[in-house]
Amino acid sequence: MRAHVVATKAEHSQDYQAILEDWDLYLPKARTCNTECLGLPKGTRLFEVNVPVFRLQVAEIKGKLRVVSATDLFH
């Protein structure tokens, strides 16, 4: 699919730009867990980002970024 999007230059279309704006795609939001959350200790920094189809929550664990949650973006 990615090759098709690139070949058709879809990322430059007005429809594609509207989707990016409507869904807040690729705009990470950072937050800190005030209590234990997702099995992680209090104070853990989470980064939430919407990508097509999924909302990902990523945390830095032992110096590496790890996906700790992936939910359906449409629900």
Protein backbone atom coordinates (compact mmCIF):
# COMPACT_ATOMS: atom_id res chain seq x y z
CA MET A 1 0.00 0.00 0.00
CA ARG A 2 2.81 2.40 0.86
CA ALA A 3 4.32 1.96 -2.62
CA HIS A 4 0.94 2.78 -4.19
CA VAL A 5 0.55 5.93 -2.08
CA VAL A 6 4.03 7.09 -3.07
CA ALA A 7 3.60 6.19 -6.77
CA THR A 8 0.30 8.08 -7.02
CA LYS A 9 1.63 11.01 -4.95
CA ALA A 10 -1.47 10.68 -2.78
CA GLU A 11 0.26 12.36 0.16
CA HIS A 12 0.03 15.65 -1.74
CA SER A 13 -3.72 15.46 -2.35
CA GLN A 14 -6.19 17.66 -0.49
CA ASP A 15 -8.10 14.55 0.67
CA TYR A 16 -4.99 13.07 2.25
CA GLN A 17 -4.15 16.34 3.99
CA ALA A 18 -7.72 16.52 5.34
CA ILE A 19 -7.42 13.00 6.76
CA LEU A 20 -4.16 13.91 8.51
CA GLU A 21 -5.82 16.93 10.10
CA ASP A 22 -9.06 15.17 11.07
CA TRP A 23 -7.40 12.13 12.65
CA ASP A 24 -4.41 13.92 14.23
CA LEU A 25 -2.13 11.38 12.55
CA TYR A 26 1.55 11.33 13.46
CA LEU A 27 1.23 14.10 16.08
CA PRO A 28 2.63 12.57 19.29
CA LYS A 29 1.26 13.65 22.65
CA ALA A 30 3.30 13.10 25.80
CA ARG A 31 1.90 12.47 29.25
CA THR A 32 3.19 11.19 32.58
CA CYS A 33 1.46 8.47 34.59
CA ASN A 34 0.39 10.01 37.92
CA THR A 35 -0.24 6.53 39.25
CA GLU A 36 0.73 3.07 38.04
CA CYS A 37 -0.68 2.71 34.53
CA LEU A 38 -0.57 -0.05 31.95
CA GLY A 39 1.52 -2.05 34.40
CA LEU A 40 4.20 0.65 34.41
CA PRO A 41 5.39 2.53 37.49
CA LYS A 42 4.17 5.97 38.51
CA GLY A 43 6.10 8.69 36.71
CA THR A 44 6.50 6.75 33.46
CA ARG A 45 6.34 9.01 30.41
CA LEU A 46 3.95 7.78 27.74
CA PHE A 47 3.83 9.00 24.18
CA GLU A 48 0.54 8.57 22.34
CA VAL A 49 0.47 8.74 18.56
CA ASN A 50 -2.25 8.02 16.03
CA VAL A 51 -1.13 6.13 12.94
CA PRO A 52 -3.49 4.80 10.29
CA VAL A 53 -5.77 2.25 11.97
CA PHE A 54 -4.08 2.33 15.44
CA ARG A 55 -3.55 4.60 18.42
CA LEU A 56 -0.19 3.60 19.89
CA GLN A 57 1.08 4.26 23.39
CA VAL A 58 4.84 4.07 23.61
CA ALA A 59 7.03 4.25 26.73
CA GLU A 60 10.76 4.37 27.26
CA ILE A 61 11.66 1.23 29.19
CA LYS A 62 15.30 0.54 30.05
CA GLY A 63 16.47 3.04 27.46
CA LYS A 64 14.36 1.64 24.59
CA LEU A 65 11.01 2.75 23.22
CA ARG A 66 8.39 0.02 23.59
CA VAL A 67 4.79 -0.12 22.39
CA VAL A 68 2.73 -0.71 25.53
CA SER A 69 -0.72 -0.35 23.98
CA ALA A 70 -2.24 -0.46 20.51
CA THR A 71 -5.96 0.21 20.12
CA ASP A 72 -8.26 0.46 17.14
CA LEU A 73 -8.37 4.10 16.06
CA PHE A 74 -12.01 3.79 14.98
CA HIS A 75 -13.44 2.83 18.39
